[in-house]
Amino acid sequence: SFRDETLGLRPAALERVRLLLESSANRAVSVQVSALGEEQCQRLAREVLSLDAELAASVIEQAKGSPMFIVQLVRTWVQQGLLQASSGGFVLREDMQPEIPDSLYGVWLSRLRLLREDFGEDVILTLEAAAALGDDVDALEWNHLCSLLELDARPSLLGALLKGGMARETERGWEFAHERLRDSLERSALSAGR
């Protein structure tokens, strides 16, 4: 899948999609998907993820129709142990009141920052190096690049990414599970002048 605003940024991927659409003889189609409406967001947050009505409203307000925002934010809170059950659904623990990020970029960075506990401060730099290699990360290239940058591309980091649903294994290494995760790492590097 591609977002309209990223099509021009990834010409090789765009070309692969164009060739797939042309060669598939009506087996592949292009489908325009818009943001979810208020009702669909409510169903996702309340019925699927079982959030309390007040927390669901706060999350939905920031999500701006993005189901990925809602799911990834809740996943981050689960990983951090911030949710507790209540009679109305899951709520944030009273002793933990995190800010709700204002964008999916912020949600992804929150998830990535959790990796610092196990892999140290340089984990974001290590993943930014992977993002610089493209959608598909060749394990040998990533390890070589990290050694040149004096970073540690430990196998356990890849294991954490796989377990957390942020990466998928490929024949030669791995790929980011979500395009926006890679975009967030690129944006992080650019905003830090790297």
C-alpha atoms as a PDB file:
ATOM      1  CA  SER A   1       0.000   0.000   0.000  1.00  0.00           C
ATOM      2  CA  PHE A   2       1.078   3.582  -0.622  1.00  0.00           C
ATOM      3  CA  ARG A   3      -0.021   6.960   0.594  1.00  0.00           C
ATOM      4  CA  ASP A   4      -0.487   9.543  -2.152  1.00  0.00           C
ATOM      5  CA  GLU A   5       2.047  11.909  -0.587  1.00  0.00           C
ATOM      6  CA  THR A   6       4.838   9.280  -0.669  1.00  0.00           C
ATOM      7  CA  LEU A   7       4.419   8.071  -4.241  1.00  0.00           C
ATOM      8  CA  GLY A   8       6.878  10.596  -5.634  1.00  0.00           C
ATOM      9  CA  LEU A   9       9.440   9.934  -2.901  1.00  0.00           C
ATOM     10  CA  ARG A  10       9.975   6.277  -3.794  1.00  0.00           C
ATOM     11  CA  PRO A  11      10.304   6.009  -7.568  1.00  0.00           C
ATOM     12  CA  ALA A  12      11.574   2.396  -7.564  1.00  0.00           C
ATOM     13  CA  ALA A  13       8.659   1.207  -5.448  1.00  0.00           C
ATOM     14  CA  LEU A  14       6.217   3.223  -7.548  1.00  0.00           C
ATOM     15  CA  GLU A  15       7.608   1.603 -10.690  1.00  0.00           C
ATOM     16  CA  ARG A  16       7.156  -1.888  -9.169  1.00  0.00           C
ATOM     17  CA  VAL A  17       3.526  -1.065  -8.347  1.00  0.00           C
ATOM     18  CA  ARG A  18       2.932   0.301 -11.861  1.00  0.00           C
ATOM     19  CA  LEU A  19       4.401  -2.866 -13.427  1.00  0.00           C
ATOM     20  CA  LEU A  20       2.335  -5.069 -11.124  1.00  0.00           C
ATOM     21  CA  LEU A  21      -0.872  -3.265 -12.051  1.00  0.00           C
ATOM     22  CA  GLU A  22      -0.066  -3.427 -15.770  1.00  0.00           C
ATOM     23  CA  SER A  23       0.975  -7.096 -15.800  1.00  0.00           C
ATOM     24  CA  SER A  24      -1.687  -8.550 -13.549  1.00  0.00           C
ATOM     25  CA  ALA A  25      -4.464  -8.576 -16.167  1.00  0.00           C
ATOM     26  CA  ASN A  26      -7.203  -7.359 -13.815  1.00  0.00           C
ATOM     27  CA  ARG A  27      -6.003  -9.439 -10.839  1.00  0.00           C
ATOM     28  CA  ALA A  28      -4.564  -6.381  -9.093  1.00  0.00           C
ATOM     29  CA  VAL A  29      -6.434  -3.132  -8.732  1.00  0.00           C
ATOM     30  CA  SER A  30      -5.751   0.282  -7.334  1.00  0.00           C
ATOM     31  CA  VAL A  31      -8.130   1.178  -4.513  1.00  0.00           C
ATOM     32  CA  GLN A  32      -8.414   4.627  -3.009  1.00  0.00           C
ATOM     33  CA  VAL A  33      -8.849   4.418   0.774  1.00  0.00           C
ATOM     34  CA  SER A  34      -9.878   7.452   2.766  1.00  0.00           C
ATOM     35  CA  ALA A  35      -9.702   8.148   6.483  1.00  0.00           C
ATOM     36  CA  LEU A  36     -12.171   6.354   8.722  1.00  0.00           C
ATOM     37  CA  GLY A  37     -15.260   8.241   9.807  1.00  0.00           C
ATOM     38  CA  GLU A  38     -16.134   9.002  13.416  1.00  0.00           C
ATOM     39  CA  GLU A  39     -18.380   5.947  13.743  1.00  0.00           C
ATOM     40  CA  GLN A  40     -15.762   3.529  12.411  1.00  0.00           C
ATOM     41  CA  CYS A  41     -13.116   5.013  14.716  1.00  0.00           C
ATOM     42  CA  GLN A  42     -15.518   4.612  17.653  1.00  0.00           C
ATOM     43  CA  ARG A  43     -16.098   0.955  16.751  1.00  0.00           C
ATOM     44  CA  LEU A  44     -12.363   0.311  16.488  1.00  0.00           C
ATOM     45  CA  ALA A  45     -11.498   2.049  19.749  1.00  0.00           C
ATOM     46  CA  ARG A  46     -14.489   0.882  21.801  1.00  0.00           C
ATOM     47  CA  GLU A  47     -15.493  -2.506  20.396  1.00  0.00           C
ATOM     48  CA  VAL A  48     -12.252  -3.914  18.996  1.00  0.00           C
ATOM     49  CA  LEU A  49      -9.713  -2.398  21.406  1.00  0.00           C
ATOM     50  CA  SER A  50     -12.136  -2.083  24.357  1.00  0.00           C
ATOM     51  CA  LEU A  51     -11.103   1.420  25.385  1.00  0.00           C
ATOM     52  CA  ASP A  52     -13.188   3.337  27.888  1.00  0.00           C
ATOM     53  CA  ALA A  53     -15.440   5.978  26.237  1.00  0.00           C
ATOM     54  CA  GLU A  54     -13.457   8.983  27.517  1.00  0.00           C
ATOM     55  CA  LEU A  55     -10.072   7.548  26.540  1.00  0.00           C
ATOM     56  CA  ALA A  56     -11.444   6.453  23.154  1.00  0.00           C
ATOM     57  CA  ALA A  57     -12.691  10.005  22.495  1.00  0.00           C
ATOM     58  CA  SER A  58      -9.252  11.463  23.289  1.00  0.00           C
ATOM     59  CA  VAL A  59      -7.487   8.980  21.041  1.00  0.00           C
ATOM     60  CA  ILE A  60      -9.956   9.419  18.183  1.00  0.00           C
ATOM     61  CA  GLU A  61      -9.602  13.200  18.310  1.00  0.00           C
ATOM     62  CA  GLN A  62      -5.858  12.899  17.673  1.00  0.00           C
ATOM     63  CA  ALA A  63      -6.154  10.037  15.173  1.00  0.00           C
ATOM     64  CA  LYS A  64      -7.856  12.137  12.499  1.00  0.00           C
ATOM     65  CA  GLY A  65      -9.389   9.007  10.977  1.00  0.00           C
ATOM     66  CA  SER A  66      -6.205   6.904  10.978  1.00  0.00           C
ATOM     67  CA  PRO A  67      -6.823   3.367  12.235  1.00  0.00           C
ATOM     68  CA  MET A  68      -3.065   2.775  12.305  1.00  0.00           C
ATOM     69  CA  PHE A  69      -2.660   5.695  14.731  1.00  0.00           C
ATOM     70  CA  ILE A  70      -5.251   4.194  17.073  1.00  0.00           C
ATOM     71  CA  VAL A  71      -3.887   0.646  16.951  1.00  0.00           C
ATOM     72  CA  GLN A  72      -0.214   1.626  17.252  1.00  0.00           C
ATOM     73  CA  LEU A  73      -0.865   4.034  20.124  1.00  0.00           C
ATOM     74  CA  VAL A  74      -2.781   1.391  22.076  1.00  0.00           C
ATOM     75  CA  ARG A  75      -0.049  -1.147  21.288  1.00  0.00           C
ATOM     76  CA  THR A  76       2.538   1.274  22.703  1.00  0.00           C
ATOM     77  CA  TRP A  77       0.501   1.711  25.880  1.00  0.00           C
ATOM     78  CA  VAL A  78       0.148  -2.060  26.257  1.00  0.00           C
ATOM     79  CA  GLN A  79       3.924  -2.497  25.869  1.00  0.00           C
ATOM     80  CA  GLN A  80       4.491   0.167  28.515  1.00  0.00           C
ATOM     81  CA  GLY A  81       1.932  -1.346  30.889  1.00  0.00           C
ATOM     82  CA  LEU A  82      -0.075   1.894  30.965  1.00  0.00           C
ATOM     83  CA  LEU A  83      -3.574   0.419  30.595  1.00  0.00           C
ATOM     84  CA  GLN A  84      -5.764  -1.097  33.258  1.00  0.00           C
ATOM     85  CA  ALA A  85      -9.215  -2.628  33.068  1.00  0.00           C
ATOM     86  CA  SER A  86     -12.239  -0.715  34.335  1.00  0.00           C
ATOM     87  CA  SER A  87     -15.969  -1.357  34.179  1.00  0.00           C
ATOM     88  CA  GLY A  88     -16.213   0.816  31.058  1.00  0.00           C
ATOM     89  CA  GLY A  89     -13.179  -0.588  29.234  1.00  0.00           C
ATOM     90  CA  PHE A  90      -9.441  -0.012  29.371  1.00  0.00           C
ATOM     91  CA  VAL A  91      -8.256   3.258  30.895  1.00  0.00           C
ATOM     92  CA  LEU A  92      -4.829   4.746  31.499  1.00  0.00           C
ATOM     93  CA  ARG A  93      -3.416   3.937  34.920  1.00  0.00           C
ATOM     94  CA  GLU A  94      -3.911   6.889  37.263  1.00  0.00           C
ATOM     95  CA  ASP A  95      -0.194   7.085  38.045  1.00  0.00           C
ATOM     96  CA  MET A  96       0.664   7.215  34.326  1.00  0.00           C
ATOM     97  CA  GLN A  97      -0.876   9.926  32.172  1.00  0.00           C
ATOM     98  CA  PRO A  98       1.167  10.104  28.947  1.00  0.00           C
ATOM     99  CA  GLU A  99       0.469  12.725  26.338  1.00  0.00           C
ATOM    100  CA  ILE A 100      -1.248  11.455  23.242  1.00  0.00           C
ATOM    101  CA  PRO A 101       1.063  12.182  20.297  1.00  0.00           C
ATOM    102  CA  ASP A 102      -0.347  14.556  17.690  1.00  0.00           C
ATOM    103  CA  SER A 103       0.605  12.399  14.716  1.00  0.00           C
ATOM    104  CA  LEU A 104       1.392   8.869  13.628  1.00  0.00           C
ATOM    105  CA  TYR A 105       5.023   9.993  13.427  1.00  0.00           C
ATOM    106  CA  GLY A 106       4.884  10.686  17.158  1.00  0.00           C
ATOM    107  CA  VAL A 107       3.295   7.305  17.856  1.00  0.00           C
ATOM    108  CA  TRP A 108       6.022   5.462  15.946  1.00  0.00           C
ATOM    109  CA  LEU A 109       8.762   7.424  17.716  1.00  0.00           C
ATOM    110  CA  SER A 110       7.170   6.557  21.064  1.00  0.00           C
ATOM    111  CA  ARG A 111       7.299   2.874  20.154  1.00  0.00           C
ATOM    112  CA  LEU A 112      10.900   3.157  18.992  1.00  0.00           C
ATOM    113  CA  ARG A 113      11.968   4.997  22.155  1.00  0.00           C
ATOM    114  CA  LEU A 114      10.792   1.980  24.178  1.00  0.00           C
ATOM    115  CA  LEU A 115      13.655   0.041  22.585  1.00  0.00           C
ATOM    116  CA  ARG A 116      16.171   2.322  24.351  1.00  0.00           C
ATOM    117  CA  GLU A 117      15.568   0.459  27.612  1.00  0.00           C
ATOM    118  CA  ASP A 118      16.971  -2.770  26.158  1.00  0.00           C
ATOM    119  CA  PHE A 119      19.329  -1.505  23.450  1.00  0.00           C
ATOM    120  CA  GLY A 120      20.679   1.850  24.641  1.00  0.00           C
ATOM    121  CA  GLU A 121      20.528   5.393  23.357  1.00  0.00           C
ATOM    122  CA  ASP A 122      21.992   4.580  19.934  1.00  0.00           C
ATOM    123  CA  VAL A 123      19.114   2.288  18.951  1.00  0.00           C
ATOM    124  CA  ILE A 124      17.365   5.107  17.064  1.00  0.00           C
ATOM    125  CA  LEU A 125      20.579   5.849  15.124  1.00  0.00           C
ATOM    126  CA  THR A 126      20.937   2.135  14.338  1.00  0.00           C
ATOM    127  CA  LEU A 127      17.400   2.036  12.976  1.00  0.00           C
ATOM    128  CA  GLU A 128      17.859   5.298  11.076  1.00  0.00           C
ATOM    129  CA  ALA A 129      20.800   3.603   9.331  1.00  0.00           C
ATOM    130  CA  ALA A 130      18.485   0.735   8.386  1.00  0.00           C
ATOM    131  CA  ALA A 131      15.896   3.201   7.069  1.00  0.00           C
ATOM    132  CA  ALA A 132      18.573   4.826   4.909  1.00  0.00           C
ATOM    133  CA  LEU A 133      19.075   1.463   3.178  1.00  0.00           C
ATOM    134  CA  GLY A 134      15.507   1.424   1.896  1.00  0.00           C
ATOM    135  CA  ASP A 135      12.362  -0.610   2.305  1.00  0.00           C
ATOM    136  CA  ASP A 136      14.155  -3.963   2.260  1.00  0.00           C
ATOM    137  CA  VAL A 137      17.106  -4.072   4.629  1.00  0.00           C
ATOM    138  CA  ASP A 138      19.854  -6.458   3.584  1.00  0.00           C
ATOM    139  CA  ALA A 139      21.266  -7.799   6.864  1.00  0.00           C
ATOM    140  CA  LEU A 140      24.878  -7.783   5.633  1.00  0.00           C
ATOM    141  CA  GLU A 141      24.632  -4.202   4.334  1.00  0.00           C
ATOM    142  CA  TRP A 142      22.992  -3.045   7.567  1.00  0.00           C
ATOM    143  CA  ASN A 143      25.671  -4.715   9.700  1.00  0.00           C
ATOM    144  CA  HIS A 144      28.430  -3.232   7.537  1.00  0.00           C
ATOM    145  CA  LEU A 145      26.905   0.259   7.638  1.00  0.00           C
ATOM    146  CA  CYS A 146      26.455   0.046  11.395  1.00  0.00           C
ATOM    147  CA  SER A 147      30.073  -1.036  11.883  1.00  0.00           C
ATOM    148  CA  LEU A 148      31.230   1.953   9.795  1.00  0.00           C
ATOM    149  CA  LEU A 149      29.087   4.231  11.970  1.00  0.00           C
ATOM    150  CA  GLU A 150      30.250   2.467  15.152  1.00  0.00           C
ATOM    151  CA  LEU A 151      26.706   1.330  15.916  1.00  0.00           C
ATOM    152  CA  ASP A 152      25.543  -2.079  17.087  1.00  0.00           C
ATOM    153  CA  ALA A 153      23.057  -3.925  14.841  1.00  0.00           C
ATOM    154  CA  ARG A 154      22.522  -6.805  17.278  1.00  0.00           C
ATOM    155  CA  PRO A 155      20.414  -9.788  16.211  1.00  0.00           C
ATOM    156  CA  SER A 156      18.407  -9.279  19.410  1.00  0.00           C
ATOM    157  CA  LEU A 157      17.343  -5.835  18.107  1.00  0.00           C
ATOM    158  CA  LEU A 158      15.937  -7.450  14.980  1.00  0.00           C
ATOM    159  CA  GLY A 159      14.246 -10.013  17.224  1.00  0.00           C
ATOM    160  CA  ALA A 160      12.592  -7.203  19.205  1.00  0.00           C
ATOM    161  CA  LEU A 161      11.426  -5.508  15.994  1.00  0.00           C
ATOM    162  CA  LEU A 162       9.947  -8.780  14.728  1.00  0.00           C
ATOM    163  CA  LYS A 163       8.273  -9.548  18.047  1.00  0.00           C
ATOM    164  CA  GLY A 164       6.877  -6.014  18.255  1.00  0.00           C
ATOM    165  CA  GLY A 165       5.400  -6.200  14.751  1.00  0.00           C
ATOM    166  CA  MET A 166       7.691  -3.461  13.453  1.00  0.00           C
ATOM    167  CA  ALA A 167       9.620  -5.674  11.005  1.00  0.00           C
ATOM    168  CA  ARG A 168       9.186  -8.778   8.856  1.00  0.00           C
ATOM    169  CA  GLU A 169      11.908 -11.209   7.874  1.00  0.00           C
ATOM    170  CA  THR A 170      12.904 -11.461   4.222  1.00  0.00           C
ATOM    171  CA  GLU A 171      15.226 -13.757   2.337  1.00  0.00           C
ATOM    172  CA  ARG A 172      18.206 -11.405   2.665  1.00  0.00           C
ATOM    173  CA  GLY A 173      17.351  -9.679   5.916  1.00  0.00           C
ATOM    174  CA  TRP A 174      14.212  -7.844   6.920  1.00  0.00           C
ATOM    175  CA  GLU A 175      11.817  -5.080   5.970  1.00  0.00           C
ATOM    176  CA  PHE A 176       9.944  -2.464   7.928  1.00  0.00           C
ATOM    177  CA  ALA A 177       6.444  -3.727   8.663  1.00  0.00           C
ATOM    178  CA  HIS A 178       4.961  -0.297   8.007  1.00  0.00           C
ATOM    179  CA  GLU A 179       5.994   2.334   5.498  1.00  0.00           C
ATOM    180  CA  ARG A 180       5.273   5.059   8.028  1.00  0.00           C
ATOM    181  CA  LEU A 181       7.684   3.522  10.521  1.00  0.00           C
ATOM    182  CA  ARG A 182      10.495   3.921   8.016  1.00  0.00           C
ATOM    183  CA  ASP A 183       9.244   7.422   7.180  1.00  0.00           C
ATOM    184  CA  SER A 184       9.331   8.295  10.889  1.00  0.00           C
ATOM    185  CA  LEU A 185      12.946   7.183  11.156  1.00  0.00           C
ATOM    186  CA  GLU A 186      13.896   9.209   8.072  1.00  0.00           C
ATOM    187  CA  ARG A 187      12.079  12.225   9.471  1.00  0.00           C
ATOM    188  CA  SER A 188      13.830  11.766  12.826  1.00  0.00           C
ATOM    189  CA  ALA A 189      17.232  11.705  11.125  1.00  0.00           C
ATOM    190  CA  LEU A 190      16.471  14.751   9.001  1.00  0.00           C
ATOM    191  CA  SER A 191      15.156  16.796  11.927  1.00  0.00           C
ATOM    192  CA  ALA A 192      18.341  15.949  13.871  1.00  0.00           C
ATOM    193  CA  GLY A 193      20.545  16.960  10.914  1.00  0.00           C
ATOM    194  CA  ARG A 194      21.731  13.412  10.197  1.00  0.00           C
END
